């Protein structure tokens, strides 16, 4: 199985009105001969302030093309999600964030860092008890399809995450990097801090490179 690199970040303050991150895909994951279709999400996951539900905002790629998604896992384990086709480009920066809209509803957006254009991903209802995001979040690159037969069949994905940010106490706050962890697996991943950022590399390069 493919290792999953992830990082834990802690934002100053007890709770956030919105939470987000900058992400820079370094390449366009592409399957060469014999490789599985690229099925990755570049994700930030945070818990809500009661620590019983989670949200994930991400860019991704799959058999249907590139996308942006917003997923909420509720305290009872139910999963709500919304996704849009979003043709992100390698070597460009994108800002994804989720914001409390009122009551128990949260919305998510993706901003193109080059053009400044903002695109709504969608909104989901969590509950009236989930009006803040917690100060702790996790960034990661996740393979969401089934395991393949050989490490060489995972297409290569390379991405850089900047520190997550949020809004607390009337100001924007930036998370501090706490630790990097890589899950066990036969197919290695790169999980490398670079100054205040983190670089992830997974999968095998295209044949002939």
N, C-alpha and C. Protein backbone atom coordinates (compact mmCIF):
# COMPACT_ATOMS: atom_id res chain seq x y z
N UNK A 1 0.84 -1.20 0.00
CA UNK A 1 0.00 0.00 0.00
C UNK A 1 0.88 1.25 0.00
N UNK A 2 0.31 2.36 -0.43
CA UNK A 2 1.03 3.62 -0.53
C UNK A 2 1.07 4.32 0.83
N UNK A 3 2.23 4.75 1.24
CA UNK A 3 2.33 5.52 2.47
C UNK A 3 1.59 6.85 2.31
N UNK A 4 1.06 7.35 3.42
CA UNK A 4 0.37 8.65 3.43
C UNK A 4 1.17 9.62 4.28
N UNK A 5 1.71 10.68 3.67
CA UNK A 5 2.39 11.70 4.45
C UNK A 5 1.39 12.73 4.98
N UNK A 6 1.54 13.10 6.25
CA UNK A 6 0.69 14.17 6.76
C UNK A 6 1.42 14.96 7.83
N UNK A 7 0.91 16.14 8.09
CA UNK A 7 1.53 17.07 9.04
C UNK A 7 0.46 17.61 9.97
N UNK A 8 0.85 17.84 11.22
CA UNK A 8 -0.04 18.40 12.22
C UNK A 8 0.35 19.86 12.45
N UNK A 9 -0.65 20.73 12.45
CA UNK A 9 -0.44 22.17 12.62
C UNK A 9 -1.32 22.66 13.76
N UNK A 10 -0.82 23.66 14.50
CA UNK A 10 -1.59 24.25 15.60
C UNK A 10 -1.66 25.75 15.40
N UNK A 11 -2.89 26.25 15.35
CA UNK A 11 -3.12 27.68 15.14
C UNK A 11 -3.33 28.36 16.48
N UNK A 12 -2.70 29.51 16.73
CA UNK A 12 -2.93 30.23 17.99
C UNK A 12 -4.41 30.56 18.15
N UNK A 13 -4.89 30.47 19.37
CA UNK A 13 -6.31 30.72 19.64
C UNK A 13 -7.05 29.43 19.89
N UNK A 14 -8.16 29.53 20.56
CA UNK A 14 -8.92 28.35 20.95
C UNK A 14 -9.88 27.86 19.88
N UNK A 15 -10.40 28.76 19.06
CA UNK A 15 -11.39 28.36 18.06
C UNK A 15 -11.35 29.37 16.92
N UNK A 16 -11.76 28.91 15.72
CA UNK A 16 -11.63 29.71 14.52
C UNK A 16 -13.00 29.88 13.86
N UNK A 17 -13.23 31.08 13.32
CA UNK A 17 -14.45 31.34 12.55
C UNK A 17 -14.33 30.80 11.14
N UNK A 18 -13.12 30.77 10.60
CA UNK A 18 -12.85 30.08 9.35
C UNK A 18 -11.45 29.50 9.39
N UNK A 19 -11.22 28.48 8.57
CA UNK A 19 -9.93 27.80 8.52
C UNK A 19 -9.59 27.51 7.07
N UNK A 20 -8.30 27.65 6.71
CA UNK A 20 -7.91 27.42 5.33
C UNK A 20 -6.43 27.21 5.17
N UNK A 21 -6.01 27.05 3.91
CA UNK A 21 -4.60 26.78 3.63
C UNK A 21 -4.28 27.14 2.18
N UNK A 22 -3.00 27.45 1.96
CA UNK A 22 -2.45 27.59 0.62
C UNK A 22 -1.81 26.27 0.22
N UNK A 23 -2.05 25.85 -1.02
CA UNK A 23 -1.46 24.61 -1.54
C UNK A 23 -0.94 24.88 -2.95
N UNK A 24 0.22 24.30 -3.26
CA UNK A 24 0.82 24.46 -4.58
C UNK A 24 1.10 23.08 -5.16
N UNK A 25 0.27 22.58 -6.07
CA UNK A 25 0.61 21.33 -6.75
C UNK A 25 1.86 21.53 -7.60
N UNK A 26 2.81 20.65 -7.48
CA UNK A 26 4.06 20.79 -8.23
C UNK A 26 3.97 20.14 -9.60
N UNK A 27 3.16 19.09 -9.71
CA UNK A 27 2.99 18.43 -11.00
C UNK A 27 1.52 18.12 -11.24
N UNK A 28 1.21 17.72 -12.46
CA UNK A 28 -0.12 17.22 -12.78
C UNK A 28 -0.04 15.69 -12.77
N UNK A 29 -0.58 15.04 -11.74
CA UNK A 29 -0.48 13.57 -11.70
C UNK A 29 -1.08 12.96 -12.97
N UNK A 30 -0.27 12.16 -13.64
CA UNK A 30 -0.68 11.56 -14.91
C UNK A 30 -0.25 10.11 -14.93
N UNK A 31 -1.16 9.24 -15.29
CA UNK A 31 -0.84 7.81 -15.33
C UNK A 31 -0.11 7.48 -16.64
N UNK A 32 1.07 6.90 -16.50
CA UNK A 32 1.76 6.38 -17.68
C UNK A 32 1.34 4.92 -17.87
N UNK A 33 1.90 4.26 -18.87
CA UNK A 33 1.51 2.88 -19.20
C UNK A 33 1.65 1.98 -17.97
N UNK A 34 0.58 1.26 -17.65
CA UNK A 34 0.62 0.33 -16.54
C UNK A 34 0.28 0.93 -15.19
N UNK A 35 0.06 2.25 -15.13
CA UNK A 35 -0.27 2.88 -13.86
C UNK A 35 -1.78 3.07 -13.71
N UNK A 36 -2.21 3.14 -12.44
CA UNK A 36 -3.62 3.38 -12.14
C UNK A 36 -3.97 4.84 -12.42
N UNK A 37 -5.22 5.14 -12.69
CA UNK A 37 -5.62 6.55 -12.83
C UNK A 37 -5.31 7.31 -11.55
N UNK A 38 -4.79 8.52 -11.66
CA UNK A 38 -4.44 9.29 -10.46
C UNK A 38 -5.69 9.57 -9.62
N UNK A 39 -5.64 9.17 -8.36
CA UNK A 39 -6.80 9.31 -7.46
C UNK A 39 -6.33 9.88 -6.13
N UNK A 40 -5.98 11.17 -6.14
CA UNK A 40 -5.41 11.82 -4.97
C UNK A 40 -6.28 12.99 -4.53
N UNK A 41 -6.26 13.26 -3.22
CA UNK A 41 -6.72 14.55 -2.73
C UNK A 41 -5.59 15.19 -1.93
N UNK A 42 -5.44 16.51 -2.09
CA UNK A 42 -4.50 17.32 -1.32
C UNK A 42 -5.35 18.05 -0.28
N UNK A 43 -5.28 17.59 0.95
CA UNK A 43 -6.33 17.90 1.90
C UNK A 43 -5.84 18.60 3.16
N UNK A 44 -6.70 19.45 3.70
CA UNK A 44 -6.59 19.94 5.08
C UNK A 44 -7.82 19.45 5.83
N UNK A 45 -7.61 18.81 6.97
CA UNK A 45 -8.69 18.31 7.80
C UNK A 45 -8.63 18.96 9.17
N UNK A 46 -9.77 19.41 9.66
CA UNK A 46 -9.82 19.97 11.01
C UNK A 46 -11.07 19.46 11.72
N UNK A 47 -11.01 19.44 13.03
CA UNK A 47 -12.19 19.13 13.83
C UNK A 47 -12.92 20.43 14.15
N UNK A 48 -14.20 20.29 14.40
CA UNK A 48 -14.93 21.42 14.93
C UNK A 48 -14.63 21.53 16.42
N UNK A 49 -14.99 22.67 17.01
CA UNK A 49 -14.49 22.98 18.35
C UNK A 49 -14.95 21.99 19.42
N UNK A 50 -16.04 21.26 19.17
CA UNK A 50 -16.44 20.26 20.16
C UNK A 50 -15.68 18.95 19.99
N UNK A 51 -14.82 18.86 18.94
CA UNK A 51 -13.93 17.72 18.67
C UNK A 51 -14.69 16.46 18.28
N UNK A 52 -15.96 16.56 17.89
CA UNK A 52 -16.75 15.37 17.59
C UNK A 52 -17.06 15.23 16.11
N UNK A 53 -16.82 16.25 15.33
CA UNK A 53 -17.06 16.19 13.89
C UNK A 53 -15.83 16.77 13.18
N UNK A 54 -15.62 16.37 11.92
CA UNK A 54 -14.46 16.84 11.17
C UNK A 54 -14.89 17.39 9.82
N UNK A 55 -14.04 18.24 9.28
CA UNK A 55 -14.24 18.77 7.93
C UNK A 55 -12.94 18.65 7.16
N UNK A 56 -13.05 18.39 5.85
CA UNK A 56 -11.89 18.30 4.97
C UNK A 56 -12.15 19.15 3.74
N UNK A 57 -11.20 20.03 3.41
CA UNK A 57 -11.26 20.83 2.19
C UNK A 57 -10.05 20.45 1.34
N UNK A 58 -10.27 20.24 0.04
CA UNK A 58 -9.16 19.69 -0.74
C UNK A 58 -9.29 19.98 -2.23
N UNK A 59 -8.13 19.96 -2.89
CA UNK A 59 -8.06 19.80 -4.33
C UNK A 59 -7.86 18.31 -4.60
N UNK A 60 -8.30 17.85 -5.77
CA UNK A 60 -8.14 16.43 -6.05
C UNK A 60 -8.08 16.15 -7.53
N UNK A 61 -7.79 14.90 -7.83
CA UNK A 61 -7.78 14.42 -9.20
C UNK A 61 -8.28 12.99 -9.22
N UNK A 62 -8.99 12.63 -10.28
CA UNK A 62 -9.55 11.29 -10.37
C UNK A 62 -9.94 10.96 -11.79
N UNK A 63 -10.67 9.89 -11.96
CA UNK A 63 -11.03 9.45 -13.30
C UNK A 63 -11.92 10.46 -14.03
N UNK A 64 -12.65 11.28 -13.26
CA UNK A 64 -13.50 12.29 -13.86
C UNK A 64 -12.82 13.63 -14.07
N UNK A 65 -11.53 13.72 -13.75
CA UNK A 65 -10.79 14.97 -13.89
C UNK A 65 -10.47 15.60 -12.55
N UNK A 66 -10.01 16.83 -12.60
CA UNK A 66 -9.61 17.55 -11.39
C UNK A 66 -10.84 18.17 -10.72
N UNK A 67 -10.74 18.34 -9.39
CA UNK A 67 -11.89 18.84 -8.65
C UNK A 67 -11.44 19.53 -7.37
N UNK A 68 -12.40 20.19 -6.72
CA UNK A 68 -12.25 20.71 -5.36
C UNK A 68 -13.42 20.15 -4.56
N UNK A 69 -13.17 19.81 -3.29
CA UNK A 69 -14.22 19.16 -2.51
C UNK A 69 -14.24 19.65 -1.07
N UNK A 70 -15.40 19.45 -0.46
CA UNK A 70 -15.65 19.79 0.94
C UNK A 70 -16.40 18.62 1.55
N UNK A 71 -15.84 18.03 2.59
CA UNK A 71 -16.41 16.83 3.21
C UNK A 71 -16.57 17.06 4.70
N UNK A 72 -17.70 16.68 5.25
CA UNK A 72 -17.95 16.75 6.68
C UNK A 72 -18.32 15.36 7.19
N UNK A 73 -17.62 14.92 8.22
CA UNK A 73 -17.96 13.67 8.91
C UNK A 73 -18.61 14.06 10.23
N UNK A 74 -19.87 13.71 10.40
CA UNK A 74 -20.64 14.12 11.58
C UNK A 74 -20.36 13.22 12.77
N UNK A 75 -20.74 13.65 13.98
CA UNK A 75 -20.44 12.85 15.17
C UNK A 75 -20.96 11.41 15.11
N UNK A 76 -22.05 11.18 14.39
CA UNK A 76 -22.59 9.82 14.29
C UNK A 76 -21.97 9.01 13.16
N UNK A 77 -20.96 9.58 12.50
CA UNK A 77 -20.27 8.88 11.42
C UNK A 77 -20.82 9.13 10.04
N UNK A 78 -21.96 9.80 9.93
CA UNK A 78 -22.51 10.12 8.62
C UNK A 78 -21.59 11.09 7.88
N UNK A 79 -21.47 10.90 6.57
CA UNK A 79 -20.59 11.73 5.74
C UNK A 79 -21.43 12.54 4.76
N UNK A 80 -21.24 13.85 4.77
CA UNK A 80 -21.83 14.73 3.77
C UNK A 80 -20.69 15.33 2.95
N UNK A 81 -20.89 15.45 1.67
CA UNK A 81 -19.82 16.01 0.85
C UNK A 81 -20.39 16.71 -0.37
N UNK A 82 -19.60 17.64 -0.88
CA UNK A 82 -19.92 18.35 -2.11
C UNK A 82 -18.62 18.57 -2.86
N UNK A 83 -18.67 18.47 -4.17
CA UNK A 83 -17.47 18.65 -4.99
C UNK A 83 -17.85 19.33 -6.28
N UNK A 84 -16.90 20.05 -6.85
CA UNK A 84 -17.09 20.71 -8.14
C UNK A 84 -15.91 20.39 -9.04
N UNK A 85 -16.15 20.35 -10.32
CA UNK A 85 -15.04 20.25 -11.27
C UNK A 85 -14.21 21.53 -11.15
N UNK A 86 -12.91 21.38 -11.01
CA UNK A 86 -12.05 22.55 -10.85
C UNK A 86 -10.69 22.22 -11.46
N UNK A 87 -10.38 22.85 -12.57
CA UNK A 87 -9.20 22.50 -13.35
C UNK A 87 -7.96 23.25 -12.84
N UNK A 88 -7.50 22.86 -11.65
CA UNK A 88 -6.29 23.47 -11.09
C UNK A 88 -5.08 23.11 -11.95
N UNK A 89 -4.04 23.93 -11.80
CA UNK A 89 -2.86 23.81 -12.65
C UNK A 89 -1.61 23.67 -11.79
N UNK A 90 -0.69 22.85 -12.24
CA UNK A 90 0.57 22.67 -11.53
C UNK A 90 1.34 23.99 -11.47
N UNK A 91 2.09 24.16 -10.37
CA UNK A 91 2.97 25.30 -10.13
C UNK A 91 2.20 26.60 -9.95
N UNK A 92 0.91 26.50 -9.61
CA UNK A 92 0.13 27.67 -9.22
C UNK A 92 -0.38 27.47 -7.80
N UNK A 93 -0.55 28.57 -7.07
CA UNK A 93 -0.99 28.50 -5.67
C UNK A 93 -2.51 28.67 -5.60
N UNK A 94 -3.12 27.91 -4.68
CA UNK A 94 -4.55 27.98 -4.46
C UNK A 94 -4.82 28.07 -2.96
N UNK A 95 -5.80 28.89 -2.61
CA UNK A 95 -6.20 29.02 -1.21
C UNK A 95 -7.58 28.40 -1.05
N UNK A 96 -7.68 27.40 -0.19
CA UNK A 96 -8.96 26.76 0.11
C UNK A 96 -9.33 27.07 1.55
N UNK A 97 -10.60 27.38 1.78
CA UNK A 97 -11.01 27.67 3.15
C UNK A 97 -12.47 27.28 3.37
N UNK A 98 -12.79 27.02 4.64
CA UNK A 98 -14.16 26.75 5.07
C UNK A 98 -14.54 27.77 6.12
N UNK A 99 -15.75 28.30 6.02
CA UNK A 99 -16.19 29.40 6.88
C UNK A 99 -17.57 29.10 7.45
N UNK A 100 -17.75 29.49 8.72
CA UNK A 100 -19.06 29.36 9.36
C UNK A 100 -20.01 30.38 8.77
N UNK A 101 -21.19 29.92 8.32
CA UNK A 101 -22.15 30.80 7.66
C UNK A 101 -23.29 31.22 8.55
N UNK A 102 -23.40 30.57 9.71
CA UNK A 102 -24.51 30.84 10.61
C UNK A 102 -25.23 29.56 10.97
N UNK A 103 -25.74 29.52 12.21
CA UNK A 103 -26.38 28.28 12.66
C UNK A 103 -25.36 27.15 12.65
N UNK A 104 -25.71 26.04 12.01
CA UNK A 104 -24.76 24.93 11.90
C UNK A 104 -24.21 24.76 10.50
N UNK A 105 -24.34 25.81 9.67
CA UNK A 105 -23.95 25.66 8.26
C UNK A 105 -22.56 26.23 8.01
N UNK A 106 -21.77 25.47 7.22
CA UNK A 106 -20.43 25.89 6.81
C UNK A 106 -20.33 25.84 5.29
N UNK A 107 -19.60 26.83 4.73
CA UNK A 107 -19.35 26.85 3.29
C UNK A 107 -17.87 26.77 3.01
N UNK A 108 -17.52 26.35 1.80
CA UNK A 108 -16.11 26.22 1.41
C UNK A 108 -15.89 26.86 0.04
N UNK A 109 -14.70 27.43 -0.14
CA UNK A 109 -14.32 28.12 -1.36
C UNK A 109 -12.90 27.76 -1.74
N UNK A 110 -12.58 27.95 -3.02
CA UNK A 110 -11.21 27.84 -3.50
C UNK A 110 -10.89 29.13 -4.26
N UNK A 111 -9.72 29.70 -3.97
CA UNK A 111 -9.29 30.95 -4.59
C UNK A 111 -8.06 30.68 -5.43
N UNK A 112 -8.09 31.10 -6.68
CA UNK A 112 -6.92 31.01 -7.56
C UNK A 112 -5.96 32.12 -7.18
N UNK A 113 -4.78 31.75 -6.68
CA UNK A 113 -3.83 32.74 -6.21
C UNK A 113 -3.25 33.61 -7.32
N UNK A 114 -3.35 33.18 -8.58
CA UNK A 114 -2.83 33.96 -9.70
C UNK A 114 -3.82 35.02 -10.15
N UNK A 115 -5.07 34.63 -10.29
CA UNK A 115 -6.08 35.57 -10.79
C UNK A 115 -6.87 36.25 -9.68
N UNK A 116 -6.87 35.65 -8.48
CA UNK A 116 -7.69 36.17 -7.39
C UNK A 116 -9.14 35.72 -7.46
N UNK A 117 -9.48 34.95 -8.48
CA UNK A 117 -10.86 34.50 -8.62
C UNK A 117 -11.26 33.50 -7.56
N UNK A 118 -12.44 33.70 -6.96
CA UNK A 118 -12.94 32.84 -5.91
C UNK A 118 -14.10 32.01 -6.45
N UNK A 119 -14.08 30.70 -6.15
CA UNK A 119 -15.12 29.78 -6.62
C UNK A 119 -15.72 29.05 -5.43
N UNK A 120 -17.03 29.08 -5.31
CA UNK A 120 -17.69 28.36 -4.23
C UNK A 120 -17.67 26.86 -4.50
N UNK A 121 -17.26 26.09 -3.51
CA UNK A 121 -17.33 24.63 -3.60
C UNK A 121 -18.72 24.17 -3.19
N UNK A 122 -19.26 24.80 -2.16
CA UNK A 122 -20.60 24.45 -1.69
C UNK A 122 -20.70 24.62 -0.19
N UNK A 123 -21.86 24.34 0.35
CA UNK A 123 -22.07 24.46 1.79
C UNK A 123 -22.75 23.21 2.32
N UNK A 124 -22.50 22.92 3.60
CA UNK A 124 -23.05 21.74 4.25
C UNK A 124 -23.54 22.11 5.64
N UNK A 125 -24.59 21.46 6.08
CA UNK A 125 -25.09 21.67 7.43
C UNK A 125 -24.46 20.65 8.38
N UNK A 126 -23.83 21.14 9.44
CA UNK A 126 -23.23 20.25 10.43
C UNK A 126 -24.21 20.14 11.59
N UNK A 127 -24.22 21.11 12.48
CA UNK A 127 -25.24 21.22 13.52
C UNK A 127 -25.02 22.55 14.21
N UNK A 128 -25.99 22.97 14.99
CA UNK A 128 -25.89 24.26 15.67
C UNK A 128 -24.77 24.28 16.69
N UNK A 129 -24.29 23.12 17.10
CA UNK A 129 -23.19 23.05 18.07
C UNK A 129 -21.82 23.23 17.42
N UNK A 130 -21.77 23.24 16.08
CA UNK A 130 -20.49 23.29 15.38
C UNK A 130 -20.32 24.64 14.68
N UNK A 131 -20.08 25.68 15.49
CA UNK A 131 -19.96 27.03 14.95
C UNK A 131 -18.52 27.53 14.91
N UNK A 132 -17.57 26.73 15.38
CA UNK A 132 -16.16 27.10 15.37
C UNK A 132 -15.33 25.91 14.91
N UNK A 133 -14.17 26.21 14.31
CA UNK A 133 -13.19 25.18 13.98
C UNK A 133 -12.13 25.13 15.06
N UNK A 134 -11.61 23.94 15.32
CA UNK A 134 -10.58 23.81 16.34
C UNK A 134 -9.26 24.39 15.85
N UNK A 135 -8.34 24.59 16.76
CA UNK A 135 -7.05 25.20 16.44
C UNK A 135 -6.08 24.22 15.81
N UNK A 136 -6.40 22.93 15.82
CA UNK A 136 -5.50 21.90 15.29
C UNK A 136 -6.02 21.41 13.95
N UNK A 137 -5.13 21.30 12.95
CA UNK A 137 -5.52 20.74 11.67
C UNK A 137 -4.40 19.87 11.13
N UNK A 138 -4.74 19.09 10.11
CA UNK A 138 -3.80 18.15 9.50
C UNK A 138 -3.82 18.36 7.99
N UNK A 139 -2.65 18.44 7.36
CA UNK A 139 -2.56 18.45 5.90
C UNK A 139 -2.01 17.11 5.45
N UNK A 140 -2.39 16.70 4.25
CA UNK A 140 -1.98 15.38 3.78
C UNK A 140 -2.20 15.24 2.28
N UNK A 141 -1.58 14.21 1.72
CA UNK A 141 -1.89 13.73 0.37
C UNK A 141 -2.45 12.33 0.53
N UNK A 142 -3.68 12.12 0.09
CA UNK A 142 -4.36 10.84 0.30
C UNK A 142 -4.69 10.18 -1.03
N UNK A 143 -4.35 8.89 -1.14
CA UNK A 143 -4.80 8.07 -2.25
C UNK A 143 -6.15 7.46 -1.84
N UNK A 144 -7.22 7.79 -2.55
CA UNK A 144 -8.54 7.38 -2.10
C UNK A 144 -9.11 6.18 -2.87
N UNK A 145 -8.39 5.71 -3.88
CA UNK A 145 -8.84 4.51 -4.60
C UNK A 145 -8.27 3.27 -3.91
N UNK A 146 -8.61 2.12 -4.42
CA UNK A 146 -8.10 0.88 -3.85
C UNK A 146 -6.60 0.71 -4.05
N UNK A 147 -5.99 -0.09 -3.19
CA UNK A 147 -4.56 -0.36 -3.31
C UNK A 147 -4.26 -1.06 -4.63
N UNK A 148 -3.11 -0.73 -5.22
CA UNK A 148 -2.70 -1.37 -6.48
C UNK A 148 -1.75 -2.52 -6.18
N UNK A 149 -1.39 -3.24 -7.23
CA UNK A 149 -0.60 -4.46 -7.06
C UNK A 149 0.88 -4.22 -6.88
N UNK A 150 1.35 -3.02 -7.24
CA UNK A 150 2.78 -2.76 -7.23
C UNK A 150 3.03 -1.26 -7.03
N UNK A 151 4.13 -0.93 -6.34
CA UNK A 151 4.41 0.48 -6.08
C UNK A 151 4.55 1.30 -7.36
N UNK A 152 5.04 0.69 -8.43
CA UNK A 152 5.26 1.42 -9.67
C UNK A 152 3.95 1.80 -10.36
N UNK A 153 2.83 1.25 -9.89
CA UNK A 153 1.55 1.54 -10.54
C UNK A 153 0.83 2.76 -9.96
N UNK A 154 1.38 3.35 -8.90
CA UNK A 154 0.82 4.60 -8.38
C UNK A 154 1.42 5.77 -9.15
N UNK A 155 0.64 6.61 -9.81
CA UNK A 155 1.21 7.77 -10.51
C UNK A 155 1.80 8.77 -9.52
N UNK A 156 2.76 9.50 -10.00
CA UNK A 156 3.47 10.44 -9.13
C UNK A 156 2.64 11.69 -8.84
N UNK A 157 2.66 12.11 -7.57
CA UNK A 157 2.02 13.37 -7.16
C UNK A 157 2.99 14.11 -6.24
N UNK A 158 3.19 15.40 -6.51
CA UNK A 158 4.09 16.23 -5.72
C UNK A 158 3.37 17.54 -5.39
N UNK A 159 3.46 17.94 -4.12
CA UNK A 159 2.69 19.11 -3.69
C UNK A 159 3.36 19.77 -2.49
N UNK A 160 3.19 21.08 -2.38
CA UNK A 160 3.68 21.85 -1.24
C UNK A 160 2.49 22.50 -0.53
N UNK A 161 2.47 22.38 0.80
CA UNK A 161 1.49 23.08 1.63
C UNK A 161 2.18 24.19 2.41
N UNK A 162 1.57 25.35 2.43
CA UNK A 162 1.98 26.41 3.34
C UNK A 162 1.23 26.25 4.65
N UNK A 163 1.67 26.92 5.73
CA UNK A 163 0.99 26.76 7.01
C UNK A 163 -0.48 27.15 6.92
N UNK A 164 -1.38 26.36 7.47
CA UNK A 164 -2.79 26.74 7.51
C UNK A 164 -2.98 28.06 8.26
N UNK A 165 -4.07 28.74 7.95
CA UNK A 165 -4.41 30.00 8.61
C UNK A 165 -5.88 29.94 9.03
N UNK A 166 -6.25 30.86 9.89
CA UNK A 166 -7.63 30.94 10.35
C UNK A 166 -7.94 32.33 10.85
N UNK A 167 -9.18 32.53 11.28
CA UNK A 167 -9.62 33.82 11.79
C UNK A 167 -10.13 33.63 13.21
N UNK A 168 -9.46 34.30 14.16
CA UNK A 168 -9.81 34.14 15.57
C UNK A 168 -9.59 35.46 16.29
N UNK A 169 -10.53 35.84 17.12
CA UNK A 169 -10.38 37.05 17.91
C UNK A 169 -10.24 38.30 17.07
N UNK A 170 -10.88 38.33 15.91
CA UNK A 170 -10.83 39.50 15.06
C UNK A 170 -9.59 39.65 14.22
N UNK A 171 -8.77 38.61 14.12
CA UNK A 171 -7.57 38.71 13.31
C UNK A 171 -7.22 37.38 12.66
N UNK A 172 -6.44 37.46 11.58
CA UNK A 172 -5.96 36.26 10.90
C UNK A 172 -4.77 35.71 11.67
N UNK A 173 -4.79 34.41 11.93
CA UNK A 173 -3.71 33.76 12.67
C UNK A 173 -3.15 32.63 11.82
N UNK A 174 -1.84 32.41 11.97
CA UNK A 174 -1.12 31.40 11.18
C UNK A 174 -0.70 30.24 12.06
N UNK A 175 -0.89 29.05 11.57
CA UNK A 175 -0.56 27.85 12.34
C UNK A 175 0.95 27.62 12.40
N UNK A 176 1.37 27.00 13.47
CA UNK A 176 2.76 26.56 13.62
C UNK A 176 2.82 25.07 13.34
N UNK A 177 3.90 24.66 12.69
CA UNK A 177 4.08 23.24 12.38
C UNK A 177 4.42 22.48 13.65
N UNK A 178 3.68 21.41 13.94
CA UNK A 178 3.90 20.63 15.15
C UNK A 178 4.69 19.35 14.88
N UNK A 179 4.29 18.57 13.88
CA UNK A 179 5.01 17.35 13.56
C UNK A 179 4.61 16.81 12.20
N UNK A 180 5.50 16.00 11.63
CA UNK A 180 5.24 15.26 10.40
C UNK A 180 5.16 13.78 10.73
N UNK A 181 4.19 13.10 10.14
CA UNK A 181 4.01 11.67 10.35
C UNK A 181 3.72 11.04 9.00
N UNK A 182 4.27 9.85 8.77
CA UNK A 182 3.99 9.10 7.55
C UNK A 182 3.48 7.72 7.95
N UNK A 183 2.34 7.34 7.38
CA UNK A 183 1.77 6.05 7.73
C UNK A 183 2.61 4.92 7.15
N UNK A 184 2.45 3.74 7.73
CA UNK A 184 3.18 2.56 7.25
C UNK A 184 2.67 2.14 5.87
N UNK A 185 3.55 1.55 5.08
CA UNK A 185 3.18 1.05 3.76
C UNK A 185 4.42 0.61 3.00
N UNK A 186 4.23 -0.25 2.04
CA UNK A 186 5.37 -0.74 1.27
C UNK A 186 5.88 0.28 0.26
N UNK A 187 5.02 1.20 -0.15
CA UNK A 187 5.37 2.16 -1.20
C UNK A 187 5.70 3.50 -0.54
N UNK A 188 6.97 3.92 -0.57
CA UNK A 188 7.40 5.06 0.24
C UNK A 188 6.87 6.39 -0.26
N UNK A 189 6.80 7.32 0.68
CA UNK A 189 6.40 8.70 0.40
C UNK A 189 7.43 9.64 0.98
N UNK A 190 7.53 10.83 0.39
CA UNK A 190 8.40 11.89 0.91
C UNK A 190 7.55 12.83 1.75
N UNK A 191 8.06 13.17 2.93
CA UNK A 191 7.36 14.07 3.85
C UNK A 191 8.42 14.98 4.43
N UNK A 192 8.64 16.12 3.79
CA UNK A 192 9.83 16.93 4.08
C UNK A 192 9.48 18.38 4.41
N UNK A 193 9.74 18.82 5.66
CA UNK A 193 9.58 20.24 5.98
C UNK A 193 10.60 21.09 5.20
N UNK A 194 10.14 22.23 4.70
CA UNK A 194 11.01 23.18 4.01
C UNK A 194 10.71 24.54 4.62
N UNK A 195 11.60 25.00 5.51
CA UNK A 195 11.34 26.21 6.28
C UNK A 195 10.00 26.07 6.98
N UNK A 196 9.05 26.96 6.70
CA UNK A 196 7.75 26.87 7.38
C UNK A 196 6.71 26.14 6.54
N UNK A 197 7.15 25.50 5.45
CA UNK A 197 6.24 24.77 4.56
C UNK A 197 6.51 23.27 4.69
N UNK A 198 5.75 22.47 3.93
CA UNK A 198 6.01 21.04 3.90
C UNK A 198 5.80 20.54 2.47
N UNK A 199 6.69 19.65 2.05
CA UNK A 199 6.65 19.06 0.71
C UNK A 199 6.30 17.59 0.83
N UNK A 200 5.32 17.14 0.02
CA UNK A 200 4.94 15.74 -0.03
C UNK A 200 5.19 15.21 -1.46
N UNK A 201 5.72 14.00 -1.52
CA UNK A 201 5.88 13.33 -2.81
C UNK A 201 5.46 11.88 -2.67
N UNK A 202 4.58 11.42 -3.53
CA UNK A 202 4.11 10.04 -3.49
C UNK A 202 4.07 9.49 -4.90
N UNK A 203 4.05 8.16 -5.01
CA UNK A 203 3.91 7.51 -6.32
C UNK A 203 5.22 7.43 -7.06
N UNK A 204 5.14 6.85 -8.27
CA UNK A 204 6.31 6.59 -9.11
C UNK A 204 6.32 7.54 -10.29
N UNK A 205 7.50 8.05 -10.67
CA UNK A 205 7.57 8.95 -11.83
C UNK A 205 7.10 8.25 -13.09
N UNK A 206 6.66 9.02 -14.09
CA UNK A 206 6.25 8.41 -15.36
C UNK A 206 7.40 7.64 -15.97
N UNK A 207 7.10 6.58 -16.68
CA UNK A 207 8.14 5.77 -17.30
C UNK A 207 8.94 6.61 -18.28
N UNK A 208 10.24 6.35 -18.29
CA UNK A 208 11.13 7.09 -19.19
C UNK A 208 11.72 8.33 -18.58
N UNK A 209 11.41 8.64 -17.28
CA UNK A 209 11.97 9.83 -16.64
C UNK A 209 12.94 9.42 -15.55
